[in-house]
């Protein structure tokens, strides 16, 4: 993998059989966010957790988010775009010096929920503020056509708002263990292809700058 990976799970964290956990076990340079409010998510806590994980990465990472984690990433990105840093996050400790704008290579956002949908968890009320876009980094939004937490139309709206490329994978529920997902090799191929596209874009920018 050309970039470190930061895993951003949804509410309650991703269990041992979740594709995020299985991917994490097979990657060398990977870390997972560690908020203190997994079960009753607090937005600032999760944004700070994303910021810490990005800061601890030795190179610009790719964020791999699922469900509520997508909203945490979007809010983190919105704060970076607006203020130059994730306002409200804890002071960074790691390769990125304090006060320096966090940098990520991109984000894979899988099955983001609709904050106004009937299935949105009541315990995540702190996340019911829309995350404005566009995101200040490349993103791919993966949507399922029968996700109980998000309609295809809303997924398209989010992709447009965030400036993300929309990938519809068909009828696969919430893309989680309950939907029959284990290692999800198709998703891993999506990630690999996305990372490769980031490398191609970076090489093109380098050649342009040197021309």
N, C-alpha and C. Protein backbone atom coordinates (compact mmCIF):
# COMPACT_ATOMS: atom_id res chain seq x y z
N UNK A 1 0.85 -1.19 0.00
CA UNK A 1 0.00 0.00 0.00
C UNK A 1 0.88 1.25 0.00
N UNK A 2 0.62 2.19 -0.89
CA UNK A 2 1.44 3.38 -1.04
C UNK A 2 1.26 4.39 0.09
N UNK A 3 0.14 4.31 0.80
CA UNK A 3 -0.16 5.27 1.86
C UNK A 3 -0.51 4.53 3.15
N UNK A 4 -0.22 5.15 4.30
CA UNK A 4 -0.79 4.60 5.54
C UNK A 4 -2.31 4.63 5.45
N UNK A 5 -2.94 3.77 6.23
CA UNK A 5 -4.40 3.70 6.26
C UNK A 5 -4.89 4.06 7.66
N UNK A 6 -5.93 4.87 7.72
CA UNK A 6 -6.61 5.15 8.98
C UNK A 6 -8.02 4.60 8.88
N UNK A 7 -8.35 3.66 9.77
CA UNK A 7 -9.68 3.04 9.81
C UNK A 7 -10.60 3.89 10.68
N UNK A 8 -11.75 4.24 10.12
CA UNK A 8 -12.73 5.07 10.85
C UNK A 8 -14.05 4.31 10.89
N UNK A 9 -14.29 3.52 11.93
CA UNK A 9 -15.52 2.71 12.01
C UNK A 9 -16.76 3.55 12.31
N UNK A 10 -17.89 2.86 12.33
CA UNK A 10 -19.14 3.50 12.71
C UNK A 10 -19.42 3.35 14.20
N UNK A 11 -20.63 3.64 14.59
CA UNK A 11 -21.03 3.60 15.99
C UNK A 11 -20.76 2.23 16.60
N UNK A 12 -20.18 2.21 17.80
CA UNK A 12 -19.89 0.96 18.48
C UNK A 12 -18.62 0.27 18.05
N UNK A 13 -17.88 0.86 17.09
CA UNK A 13 -16.65 0.27 16.55
C UNK A 13 -17.00 -0.91 15.64
N UNK A 14 -16.04 -1.36 14.87
CA UNK A 14 -16.21 -2.52 13.99
C UNK A 14 -15.68 -3.76 14.68
N UNK A 15 -16.49 -4.81 14.74
CA UNK A 15 -16.13 -6.03 15.43
C UNK A 15 -15.13 -6.89 14.67
N UNK A 16 -14.78 -8.05 15.22
CA UNK A 16 -13.73 -8.88 14.64
C UNK A 16 -14.04 -9.43 13.26
N UNK A 17 -15.31 -9.54 12.90
CA UNK A 17 -15.68 -10.09 11.59
C UNK A 17 -16.00 -9.02 10.56
N UNK A 18 -15.92 -7.77 10.96
CA UNK A 18 -16.21 -6.67 10.04
C UNK A 18 -15.07 -6.52 9.03
N UNK A 19 -15.41 -6.13 7.81
CA UNK A 19 -14.38 -5.99 6.78
C UNK A 19 -13.29 -4.99 7.16
N UNK A 20 -13.64 -3.94 7.91
CA UNK A 20 -12.61 -2.99 8.32
C UNK A 20 -11.56 -3.66 9.21
N UNK A 21 -12.02 -4.48 10.13
CA UNK A 21 -11.10 -5.18 11.03
C UNK A 21 -10.27 -6.20 10.27
N UNK A 22 -10.89 -6.90 9.34
CA UNK A 22 -10.18 -7.90 8.54
C UNK A 22 -9.16 -7.23 7.63
N UNK A 23 -9.50 -6.11 7.07
CA UNK A 23 -8.51 -5.38 6.27
C UNK A 23 -7.36 -4.91 7.15
N UNK A 24 -7.69 -4.40 8.32
CA UNK A 24 -6.65 -3.88 9.21
C UNK A 24 -5.63 -4.95 9.56
N UNK A 25 -6.10 -6.18 9.74
CA UNK A 25 -5.19 -7.26 10.12
C UNK A 25 -4.24 -7.62 8.99
N UNK A 26 -4.57 -7.25 7.76
CA UNK A 26 -3.72 -7.59 6.62
C UNK A 26 -2.89 -6.44 6.09
N UNK A 27 -2.91 -5.31 6.77
CA UNK A 27 -2.16 -4.15 6.33
C UNK A 27 -1.02 -3.84 7.30
N UNK A 28 0.09 -3.36 6.77
CA UNK A 28 1.26 -3.13 7.60
C UNK A 28 1.20 -1.78 8.31
N UNK A 29 0.85 -0.74 7.59
CA UNK A 29 0.88 0.61 8.13
C UNK A 29 -0.55 1.11 8.28
N UNK A 30 -1.17 0.77 9.40
CA UNK A 30 -2.59 1.08 9.58
C UNK A 30 -2.86 1.38 11.05
N UNK A 31 -3.77 2.30 11.29
CA UNK A 31 -4.21 2.59 12.65
C UNK A 31 -5.70 2.86 12.61
N UNK A 32 -6.32 2.73 13.77
CA UNK A 32 -7.76 2.93 13.90
C UNK A 32 -8.00 4.10 14.85
N UNK A 33 -9.01 4.89 14.55
CA UNK A 33 -9.32 5.98 15.47
C UNK A 33 -9.74 5.41 16.83
N UNK A 34 -9.57 6.20 17.86
CA UNK A 34 -9.89 5.73 19.22
C UNK A 34 -10.65 6.80 19.99
N UNK A 35 -11.88 7.07 19.61
CA UNK A 35 -12.68 8.02 20.39
C UNK A 35 -13.07 7.41 21.73
N UNK A 36 -13.46 8.23 22.67
CA UNK A 36 -13.89 7.72 23.97
C UNK A 36 -15.39 7.49 24.03
N UNK A 37 -16.09 7.80 22.94
CA UNK A 37 -17.55 7.72 22.95
C UNK A 37 -18.08 6.81 21.83
N UNK A 38 -17.59 5.58 21.79
CA UNK A 38 -18.01 4.65 20.74
C UNK A 38 -19.52 4.43 20.74
N UNK A 39 -20.09 4.18 21.89
CA UNK A 39 -21.50 3.78 21.97
C UNK A 39 -22.47 4.96 21.93
N UNK A 40 -22.04 6.08 22.45
CA UNK A 40 -22.86 7.30 22.45
C UNK A 40 -22.02 8.41 21.82
N UNK A 41 -21.90 8.38 20.50
CA UNK A 41 -20.91 9.21 19.81
C UNK A 41 -21.08 10.71 20.02
N UNK A 42 -19.97 11.35 20.32
CA UNK A 42 -19.91 12.80 20.43
C UNK A 42 -19.06 13.32 19.27
N UNK A 43 -19.62 14.23 18.51
CA UNK A 43 -18.97 14.66 17.27
C UNK A 43 -17.56 15.19 17.49
N UNK A 44 -17.38 16.09 18.45
CA UNK A 44 -16.06 16.66 18.67
C UNK A 44 -15.05 15.60 19.08
N UNK A 45 -15.49 14.63 19.86
CA UNK A 45 -14.63 13.53 20.28
C UNK A 45 -14.16 12.72 19.07
N UNK A 46 -15.09 12.44 18.16
CA UNK A 46 -14.73 11.65 16.98
C UNK A 46 -13.85 12.45 16.02
N UNK A 47 -14.15 13.72 15.84
CA UNK A 47 -13.31 14.55 14.98
C UNK A 47 -11.89 14.62 15.55
N UNK A 48 -11.78 14.77 16.86
CA UNK A 48 -10.46 14.78 17.49
C UNK A 48 -9.74 13.46 17.29
N UNK A 49 -10.48 12.35 17.35
CA UNK A 49 -9.88 11.03 17.16
C UNK A 49 -9.34 10.88 15.73
N UNK A 50 -10.10 11.37 14.76
CA UNK A 50 -9.61 11.35 13.38
C UNK A 50 -8.35 12.19 13.27
N UNK A 51 -8.35 13.36 13.88
CA UNK A 51 -7.20 14.25 13.82
C UNK A 51 -5.96 13.61 14.43
N UNK A 52 -6.13 12.94 15.56
CA UNK A 52 -4.98 12.28 16.20
C UNK A 52 -4.42 11.18 15.32
N UNK A 53 -5.30 10.40 14.70
CA UNK A 53 -4.83 9.30 13.86
C UNK A 53 -4.11 9.82 12.62
N UNK A 54 -4.62 10.90 12.04
CA UNK A 54 -3.95 11.50 10.89
C UNK A 54 -2.59 12.05 11.32
N UNK A 55 -2.55 12.72 12.46
CA UNK A 55 -1.30 13.31 12.95
C UNK A 55 -0.25 12.25 13.23
N UNK A 56 -0.68 11.07 13.66
CA UNK A 56 0.26 10.00 14.00
C UNK A 56 0.79 9.28 12.78
N UNK A 57 0.24 9.54 11.61
CA UNK A 57 0.68 8.87 10.39
C UNK A 57 1.95 9.53 9.86
N UNK A 58 2.90 8.72 9.44
CA UNK A 58 4.18 9.24 8.99
C UNK A 58 4.10 9.88 7.61
N UNK A 59 3.04 9.59 6.87
CA UNK A 59 2.82 10.15 5.54
C UNK A 59 1.32 10.40 5.39
N UNK A 60 0.91 11.19 4.41
CA UNK A 60 -0.53 11.43 4.23
C UNK A 60 -1.29 10.12 4.07
N UNK A 61 -2.22 9.83 4.98
CA UNK A 61 -2.92 8.55 4.93
C UNK A 61 -4.16 8.60 4.04
N UNK A 62 -4.69 7.42 3.77
CA UNK A 62 -6.01 7.28 3.17
C UNK A 62 -6.95 6.86 4.30
N UNK A 63 -8.05 7.58 4.44
CA UNK A 63 -9.04 7.26 5.46
C UNK A 63 -10.03 6.26 4.90
N UNK A 64 -10.30 5.21 5.65
CA UNK A 64 -11.27 4.18 5.23
C UNK A 64 -12.38 4.18 6.26
N UNK A 65 -13.50 4.79 5.89
CA UNK A 65 -14.59 5.02 6.85
C UNK A 65 -15.83 4.22 6.49
N UNK A 66 -16.57 3.84 7.52
CA UNK A 66 -17.85 3.15 7.33
C UNK A 66 -18.91 3.82 8.18
N UNK A 67 -20.10 3.97 7.61
CA UNK A 67 -21.29 4.41 8.33
C UNK A 67 -21.05 5.76 9.02
N UNK A 68 -21.27 5.82 10.33
CA UNK A 68 -21.11 7.08 11.05
C UNK A 68 -19.70 7.64 10.91
N UNK A 69 -18.73 6.74 10.72
CA UNK A 69 -17.36 7.19 10.52
C UNK A 69 -17.21 8.10 9.32
N UNK A 70 -18.05 7.91 8.30
CA UNK A 70 -18.01 8.79 7.13
C UNK A 70 -18.35 10.22 7.52
N UNK A 71 -19.32 10.36 8.41
CA UNK A 71 -19.71 11.70 8.86
C UNK A 71 -18.61 12.33 9.70
N UNK A 72 -17.92 11.53 10.50
CA UNK A 72 -16.79 12.05 11.28
C UNK A 72 -15.71 12.57 10.34
N UNK A 73 -15.42 11.81 9.29
CA UNK A 73 -14.42 12.24 8.31
C UNK A 73 -14.86 13.52 7.61
N UNK A 74 -16.13 13.58 7.22
CA UNK A 74 -16.63 14.76 6.52
C UNK A 74 -16.57 16.00 7.40
N UNK A 75 -16.92 15.86 8.67
CA UNK A 75 -16.84 17.00 9.59
C UNK A 75 -15.39 17.40 9.83
N UNK A 76 -14.51 16.41 9.96
CA UNK A 76 -13.09 16.71 10.12
C UNK A 76 -12.59 17.48 8.90
N UNK A 77 -12.93 16.99 7.70
CA UNK A 77 -12.50 17.66 6.48
C UNK A 77 -13.06 19.07 6.36
N UNK A 78 -14.31 19.25 6.77
CA UNK A 78 -14.93 20.57 6.70
C UNK A 78 -14.22 21.55 7.62
N UNK A 79 -13.82 21.09 8.79
CA UNK A 79 -13.12 21.98 9.73
C UNK A 79 -11.73 22.33 9.21
N UNK A 80 -11.07 21.35 8.61
CA UNK A 80 -9.76 21.62 8.02
C UNK A 80 -9.89 22.63 6.89
N UNK A 81 -10.91 22.45 6.03
CA UNK A 81 -11.10 23.37 4.91
C UNK A 81 -11.43 24.78 5.39
N UNK A 82 -12.20 24.89 6.46
CA UNK A 82 -12.65 26.20 6.94
C UNK A 82 -11.62 26.92 7.78
N UNK A 83 -10.90 26.16 8.63
CA UNK A 83 -10.04 26.79 9.62
C UNK A 83 -8.56 26.45 9.47
N UNK A 84 -8.23 25.53 8.57
CA UNK A 84 -6.84 25.13 8.42
C UNK A 84 -6.43 24.05 9.38
N UNK A 85 -7.33 23.69 10.31
CA UNK A 85 -7.08 22.61 11.25
C UNK A 85 -8.44 22.13 11.75
N UNK A 86 -8.43 20.99 12.43
CA UNK A 86 -9.68 20.46 12.96
C UNK A 86 -10.00 21.17 14.27
N UNK A 87 -10.66 22.28 14.20
CA UNK A 87 -10.99 23.09 15.37
C UNK A 87 -11.71 22.24 16.41
N UNK A 88 -11.24 22.32 17.63
CA UNK A 88 -11.87 21.56 18.69
C UNK A 88 -11.18 20.24 18.95
N UNK A 89 -10.24 19.85 18.06
CA UNK A 89 -9.53 18.60 18.27
C UNK A 89 -8.42 18.80 19.28
N UNK A 90 -8.00 17.69 19.87
CA UNK A 90 -6.89 17.74 20.81
C UNK A 90 -5.62 18.16 20.09
N UNK A 91 -4.67 18.68 20.81
CA UNK A 91 -3.40 19.03 20.21
C UNK A 91 -2.76 17.80 19.60
N UNK A 92 -2.20 17.97 18.42
CA UNK A 92 -1.60 16.83 17.71
C UNK A 92 -0.31 16.42 18.38
N UNK A 93 -0.05 15.14 18.37
CA UNK A 93 1.22 14.63 18.86
C UNK A 93 1.67 13.56 17.90
N UNK A 94 2.70 13.84 17.15
CA UNK A 94 3.15 12.89 16.14
C UNK A 94 3.94 13.61 15.07
N UNK A 95 4.09 12.99 13.90
CA UNK A 95 4.90 13.58 12.85
C UNK A 95 4.41 14.95 12.41
N UNK A 96 3.12 15.26 12.50
CA UNK A 96 2.62 16.58 12.11
C UNK A 96 2.74 17.53 13.30
N UNK A 97 3.42 18.62 13.11
CA UNK A 97 3.60 19.58 14.19
C UNK A 97 2.30 20.28 14.50
N UNK A 98 2.16 20.73 15.73
CA UNK A 98 0.95 21.44 16.14
C UNK A 98 0.78 22.69 15.29
N UNK A 99 -0.46 22.94 14.86
CA UNK A 99 -0.76 24.12 14.09
C UNK A 99 -0.61 23.95 12.59
N UNK A 100 -0.05 22.84 12.14
CA UNK A 100 0.12 22.59 10.72
C UNK A 100 -1.12 21.88 10.19
N UNK A 101 -1.61 22.33 9.04
CA UNK A 101 -2.82 21.76 8.49
C UNK A 101 -2.67 20.26 8.27
N UNK A 102 -3.58 19.44 8.78
CA UNK A 102 -3.51 18.01 8.55
C UNK A 102 -3.64 17.70 7.07
N UNK A 103 -2.95 16.70 6.62
CA UNK A 103 -2.99 16.31 5.22
C UNK A 103 -3.36 14.85 5.12
N UNK A 104 -4.32 14.56 4.27
CA UNK A 104 -4.63 13.17 3.94
C UNK A 104 -4.59 13.04 2.43
N UNK A 105 -4.33 11.83 1.97
CA UNK A 105 -4.29 11.59 0.53
C UNK A 105 -5.68 11.48 -0.05
N UNK A 106 -6.60 10.90 0.71
CA UNK A 106 -7.96 10.71 0.22
C UNK A 106 -8.77 9.91 1.22
N UNK A 107 -10.02 9.63 0.85
CA UNK A 107 -10.91 8.89 1.75
C UNK A 107 -11.83 7.99 0.96
N UNK A 108 -11.99 6.77 1.47
CA UNK A 108 -12.99 5.82 0.98
C UNK A 108 -14.12 5.83 1.99
N UNK A 109 -15.29 6.29 1.57
CA UNK A 109 -16.43 6.49 2.46
C UNK A 109 -17.51 5.48 2.11
N UNK A 110 -17.73 4.52 2.99
CA UNK A 110 -18.63 3.41 2.69
C UNK A 110 -19.91 3.52 3.51
N UNK A 111 -21.03 3.58 2.82
CA UNK A 111 -22.37 3.56 3.44
C UNK A 111 -22.59 4.65 4.47
N UNK A 112 -22.39 5.92 4.10
CA UNK A 112 -22.71 6.99 5.05
C UNK A 112 -24.20 7.04 5.31
N UNK A 113 -24.61 7.30 6.54
CA UNK A 113 -26.05 7.34 6.86
C UNK A 113 -26.65 8.71 6.58
N UNK A 114 -27.96 8.72 6.43
CA UNK A 114 -28.73 9.95 6.28
C UNK A 114 -29.10 10.45 7.67
N UNK A 115 -28.61 11.63 8.05
CA UNK A 115 -28.85 12.13 9.40
C UNK A 115 -30.33 12.44 9.64
N UNK A 116 -31.09 12.59 8.57
CA UNK A 116 -32.53 12.86 8.70
C UNK A 116 -33.38 11.62 8.44
N UNK A 117 -32.72 10.49 8.23
CA UNK A 117 -33.45 9.26 7.93
C UNK A 117 -34.07 8.65 9.17
N UNK A 118 -35.11 7.84 9.00
CA UNK A 118 -35.81 7.25 10.16
C UNK A 118 -34.97 6.25 10.94
N UNK A 119 -33.94 5.68 10.31
CA UNK A 119 -33.13 4.67 10.98
C UNK A 119 -31.89 5.26 11.65
N UNK A 120 -31.67 6.56 11.51
CA UNK A 120 -30.46 7.14 12.10
C UNK A 120 -30.48 6.94 13.61
N UNK A 121 -29.36 6.45 14.19
CA UNK A 121 -29.36 6.11 15.62
C UNK A 121 -29.57 7.31 16.53
N UNK A 122 -30.47 7.16 17.48
CA UNK A 122 -30.77 8.28 18.39
C UNK A 122 -29.56 8.60 19.26
N UNK A 123 -28.68 7.62 19.48
CA UNK A 123 -27.51 7.86 20.31
C UNK A 123 -26.49 8.75 19.62
N UNK A 124 -26.67 8.99 18.32
CA UNK A 124 -25.71 9.80 17.57
C UNK A 124 -26.26 11.18 17.27
N UNK A 125 -27.07 11.70 18.17
CA UNK A 125 -27.74 12.98 17.94
C UNK A 125 -26.74 14.10 17.68
N UNK A 126 -25.54 13.99 18.23
CA UNK A 126 -24.52 15.01 18.01
C UNK A 126 -24.04 15.11 16.58
N UNK A 127 -24.35 14.09 15.79
CA UNK A 127 -23.92 14.06 14.40
C UNK A 127 -24.99 14.59 13.44
N UNK A 128 -26.09 15.11 13.96
CA UNK A 128 -27.20 15.49 13.10
C UNK A 128 -27.06 16.89 12.49
N UNK A 129 -25.88 17.45 12.60
CA UNK A 129 -25.56 18.70 11.90
C UNK A 129 -24.92 18.33 10.56
N UNK A 130 -25.42 18.84 9.45
CA UNK A 130 -24.84 18.48 8.14
C UNK A 130 -23.36 18.85 8.06
N UNK A 131 -22.59 18.00 7.40
CA UNK A 131 -21.17 18.28 7.16
C UNK A 131 -21.04 18.92 5.79
N UNK A 132 -20.70 20.21 5.73
CA UNK A 132 -20.64 20.90 4.44
C UNK A 132 -19.44 20.46 3.61
N UNK A 133 -19.59 20.53 2.32
CA UNK A 133 -18.50 20.20 1.42
C UNK A 133 -18.07 21.43 0.64
N UNK A 134 -17.20 21.25 -0.34
CA UNK A 134 -16.61 19.96 -0.71
C UNK A 134 -15.49 19.58 0.24
N UNK A 135 -15.16 18.30 0.27
CA UNK A 135 -14.05 17.83 1.07
C UNK A 135 -12.74 18.34 0.47
N UNK A 136 -11.75 18.64 1.31
CA UNK A 136 -10.48 19.16 0.80
C UNK A 136 -9.51 18.07 0.39
N UNK A 137 -10.03 16.93 -0.03
CA UNK A 137 -9.21 15.82 -0.49
C UNK A 137 -10.07 14.93 -1.38
N UNK A 138 -9.44 14.09 -2.15
CA UNK A 138 -10.16 13.17 -3.04
C UNK A 138 -10.93 12.15 -2.22
N UNK A 139 -12.11 11.77 -2.71
CA UNK A 139 -12.92 10.81 -1.98
C UNK A 139 -13.75 9.97 -2.94
N UNK A 140 -13.99 8.74 -2.53
CA UNK A 140 -14.91 7.83 -3.20
C UNK A 140 -15.99 7.46 -2.20
N UNK A 141 -17.24 7.63 -2.59
CA UNK A 141 -18.37 7.28 -1.73
C UNK A 141 -19.01 6.01 -2.28
N UNK A 142 -19.00 4.96 -1.47
CA UNK A 142 -19.57 3.67 -1.86
C UNK A 142 -20.96 3.54 -1.25
N UNK A 143 -21.96 3.31 -2.11
CA UNK A 143 -23.34 3.25 -1.64
C UNK A 143 -24.00 1.94 -2.06
N UNK A 144 -24.90 1.46 -1.22
CA UNK A 144 -25.72 0.29 -1.50
C UNK A 144 -27.13 0.76 -1.83
N UNK A 145 -27.75 0.12 -2.81
CA UNK A 145 -29.06 0.59 -3.27
C UNK A 145 -30.19 0.28 -2.29
N UNK A 146 -29.95 -0.62 -1.33
CA UNK A 146 -30.99 -0.92 -0.33
C UNK A 146 -30.48 -0.74 1.09
N UNK A 147 -29.61 0.23 1.27
CA UNK A 147 -29.09 0.54 2.60
C UNK A 147 -30.23 1.10 3.46
N UNK A 148 -30.54 0.48 4.60
CA UNK A 148 -31.64 0.98 5.43
C UNK A 148 -31.35 2.34 6.05
N UNK A 149 -30.09 2.75 6.03
CA UNK A 149 -29.72 4.02 6.64
C UNK A 149 -29.57 5.16 5.64
N UNK A 150 -29.68 4.86 4.35
CA UNK A 150 -29.46 5.90 3.35
C UNK A 150 -30.03 5.48 2.00
N UNK A 151 -30.88 6.29 1.43
CA UNK A 151 -31.43 5.99 0.11
C UNK A 151 -30.39 6.29 -0.97
N UNK A 152 -30.53 5.67 -2.14
CA UNK A 152 -29.61 5.98 -3.24
C UNK A 152 -29.60 7.47 -3.59
N UNK A 153 -30.78 8.09 -3.54
CA UNK A 153 -30.84 9.51 -3.85
C UNK A 153 -30.04 10.36 -2.88
N UNK A 154 -30.14 10.02 -1.59
CA UNK A 154 -29.39 10.80 -0.60
C UNK A 154 -27.89 10.53 -0.74
N UNK A 155 -27.52 9.30 -1.05
CA UNK A 155 -26.10 9.00 -1.26
C UNK A 155 -25.55 9.84 -2.42
N UNK A 156 -26.35 9.98 -3.47
CA UNK A 156 -25.93 10.83 -4.58
C UNK A 156 -25.79 12.28 -4.18
N UNK A 157 -26.70 12.75 -3.34
CA UNK A 157 -26.62 14.13 -2.85
C UNK A 157 -25.36 14.35 -2.02
N UNK A 158 -25.04 13.37 -1.16
CA UNK A 158 -23.83 13.49 -0.34
C UNK A 158 -22.59 13.51 -1.22
N UNK A 159 -22.54 12.62 -2.21
CA UNK A 159 -21.38 12.58 -3.11
C UNK A 159 -21.20 13.93 -3.81
N UNK A 160 -22.30 14.51 -4.26
CA UNK A 160 -22.22 15.81 -4.93
C UNK A 160 -21.78 16.90 -3.96
N UNK A 161 -22.34 16.90 -2.76
CA UNK A 161 -21.99 17.92 -1.77
C UNK A 161 -20.52 17.82 -1.38
N UNK A 162 -20.04 16.60 -1.21
CA UNK A 162 -18.66 16.41 -0.75
C UNK A 162 -17.64 16.39 -1.88
N UNK A 163 -18.10 16.39 -3.13
CA UNK A 163 -17.17 16.31 -4.26
C UNK A 163 -16.54 14.94 -4.40
N UNK A 164 -17.29 13.91 -4.03
CA UNK A 164 -16.79 12.54 -4.06
C UNK A 164 -17.29 11.80 -5.30
N UNK A 165 -16.53 10.82 -5.73
CA UNK A 165 -16.96 9.93 -6.80
C UNK A 165 -17.90 8.89 -6.22
N UNK A 166 -19.08 8.75 -6.80
CA UNK A 166 -20.09 7.81 -6.29
C UNK A 166 -19.94 6.46 -6.96
N UNK A 167 -19.87 5.40 -6.15
CA UNK A 167 -19.83 4.03 -6.65
C UNK A 167 -21.02 3.28 -6.05
N UNK A 168 -21.95 2.86 -6.90
CA UNK A 168 -23.13 2.10 -6.47
C UNK A 168 -22.81 0.61 -6.60
N UNK A 169 -22.79 -0.11 -5.49
CA UNK A 169 -22.42 -1.52 -5.53
C UNK A 169 -23.63 -2.44 -5.58
N UNK A 170 -24.82 -1.87 -5.75
CA UNK A 170 -26.03 -2.69 -5.82
C UNK A 170 -26.65 -2.90 -4.46
N UNK A 171 -27.52 -3.90 -4.38
CA UNK A 171 -28.30 -4.15 -3.15
C UNK A 171 -27.49 -4.96 -2.15
N UNK A 172 -26.82 -4.28 -1.24
CA UNK A 172 -25.97 -4.95 -0.25
C UNK A 172 -26.17 -4.39 1.15
N UNK A 173 -27.38 -3.96 1.46
CA UNK A 173 -27.67 -3.52 2.82
C UNK A 173 -26.76 -2.40 3.27
N UNK A 174 -26.32 -2.50 4.51
CA UNK A 174 -25.46 -1.46 5.09
C UNK A 174 -23.98 -1.79 4.95
N UNK A 175 -23.67 -2.75 4.11
CA UNK A 175 -22.28 -3.14 3.84
C UNK A 175 -21.57 -3.48 5.14
N UNK A 176 -22.19 -4.36 5.91
CA UNK A 176 -21.64 -4.75 7.20
C UNK A 176 -21.82 -6.25 7.42
N UNK A 177 -21.48 -6.73 8.59
CA UNK A 177 -21.58 -8.15 8.88
C UNK A 177 -23.01 -8.64 8.75
N UNK A 178 -23.97 -7.84 9.21
CA UNK A 178 -25.38 -8.23 9.13
C UNK A 178 -25.85 -8.38 7.69
N UNK A 179 -25.15 -7.73 6.76
CA UNK A 179 -25.49 -7.83 5.34
C UNK A 179 -24.74 -8.96 4.66
N UNK A 180 -23.99 -9.74 5.44
CA UNK A 180 -23.26 -10.87 4.89
C UNK A 180 -21.85 -10.56 4.44
N UNK A 181 -21.32 -9.42 4.88
CA UNK A 181 -19.99 -9.03 4.46
C UNK A 181 -18.94 -9.50 5.45
N UNK A 182 -17.91 -10.17 4.92
CA UNK A 182 -16.75 -10.54 5.70
C UNK A 182 -15.57 -9.74 5.17
N UNK A 183 -14.61 -10.41 4.54
CA UNK A 183 -13.42 -9.70 4.06
C UNK A 183 -13.71 -8.66 2.97
N UNK A 184 -14.79 -8.83 2.23
CA UNK A 184 -15.19 -7.92 1.17
C UNK A 184 -14.04 -7.64 0.19
N UNK A 185 -13.65 -8.67 -0.57
CA UNK A 185 -12.54 -8.48 -1.52
C UNK A 185 -12.84 -7.45 -2.60
N UNK A 186 -14.11 -7.31 -2.99
CA UNK A 186 -14.44 -6.30 -4.00
C UNK A 186 -14.14 -4.89 -3.47
N UNK A 187 -14.45 -4.69 -2.19
CA UNK A 187 -14.15 -3.41 -1.58
C UNK A 187 -12.66 -3.15 -1.50
N UNK A 188 -11.91 -4.20 -1.19
CA UNK A 188 -10.46 -4.04 -1.12
C UNK A 188 -9.90 -3.68 -2.49
N UNK A 189 -10.48 -4.25 -3.55
CA UNK A 189 -10.03 -3.87 -4.89
C UNK A 189 -10.38 -2.41 -5.19
N UNK A 190 -11.55 -1.97 -4.69
CA UNK A 190 -11.90 -0.55 -4.82
C UNK A 190 -10.86 0.33 -4.14
N UNK A 191 -10.47 -0.06 -2.93
CA UNK A 191 -9.47 0.70 -2.19
C UNK A 191 -8.15 0.72 -2.95
N UNK A 192 -7.71 -0.44 -3.42
CA UNK A 192 -6.44 -0.51 -4.13
C UNK A 192 -6.47 0.36 -5.39
N UNK A 193 -7.59 0.31 -6.12
CA UNK A 193 -7.70 1.13 -7.32
C UNK A 193 -7.71 2.61 -7.01
N UNK A 194 -8.37 2.98 -5.92
CA UNK A 194 -8.41 4.38 -5.50
C UNK A 194 -7.01 4.86 -5.12
N UNK A 195 -6.29 4.06 -4.36
CA UNK A 195 -4.93 4.43 -3.96
C UNK A 195 -4.04 4.58 -5.19
N UNK A 196 -4.20 3.68 -6.16
CA UNK A 196 -3.41 3.77 -7.38
C UNK A 196 -3.74 5.05 -8.14
N UNK A 197 -5.02 5.43 -8.18
CA UNK A 197 -5.40 6.66 -8.87
C UNK A 197 -4.81 7.89 -8.18
N UNK A 198 -4.70 7.84 -6.86
CA UNK A 198 -4.08 8.94 -6.13
C UNK A 198 -2.61 9.06 -6.49
N UNK A 199 -1.94 7.91 -6.66
CA UNK A 199 -0.53 7.92 -7.02
C UNK A 199 -0.34 8.48 -8.42
N UNK A 200 -1.21 8.10 -9.35
CA UNK A 200 -1.12 8.62 -10.72
C UNK A 200 -1.31 10.13 -10.73
N UNK A 201 -2.29 10.61 -9.97
CA UNK A 201 -2.55 12.05 -9.91
C UNK A 201 -1.36 12.79 -9.29
N UNK A 202 -0.77 12.21 -8.25
CA UNK A 202 0.38 12.84 -7.60
C UNK A 202 1.57 12.90 -8.56
N UNK A 203 1.79 11.82 -9.31
CA UNK A 203 2.89 11.81 -10.28
C UNK A 203 2.68 12.87 -11.36
N UNK A 204 1.43 13.01 -11.79
CA UNK A 204 1.13 14.01 -12.82
C UNK A 204 1.39 15.42 -12.30
N UNK A 205 1.02 15.67 -11.05
CA UNK A 205 1.27 17.00 -10.47
C UNK A 205 2.76 17.27 -10.37
N UNK A 206 3.53 16.24 -10.01
CA UNK A 206 4.98 16.40 -9.90
C UNK A 206 5.60 16.73 -11.25
N UNK A 207 5.17 16.02 -12.29
CA UNK A 207 5.71 16.27 -13.63
C UNK A 207 5.35 17.68 -14.10
N UNK A 208 4.12 18.11 -13.80
CA UNK A 208 3.69 19.45 -14.20
C UNK A 208 4.53 20.51 -13.48
N UNK A 209 4.77 20.30 -12.19
CA UNK A 209 5.54 21.27 -11.41
C UNK A 209 6.98 21.37 -11.89
N UNK A 210 7.52 20.26 -12.39
CA UNK A 210 8.91 20.23 -12.83
C UNK A 210 9.08 20.68 -14.27
N UNK A 211 7.96 20.81 -14.99
CA UNK A 211 8.04 21.17 -16.42
C UNK A 211 8.47 22.63 -16.60
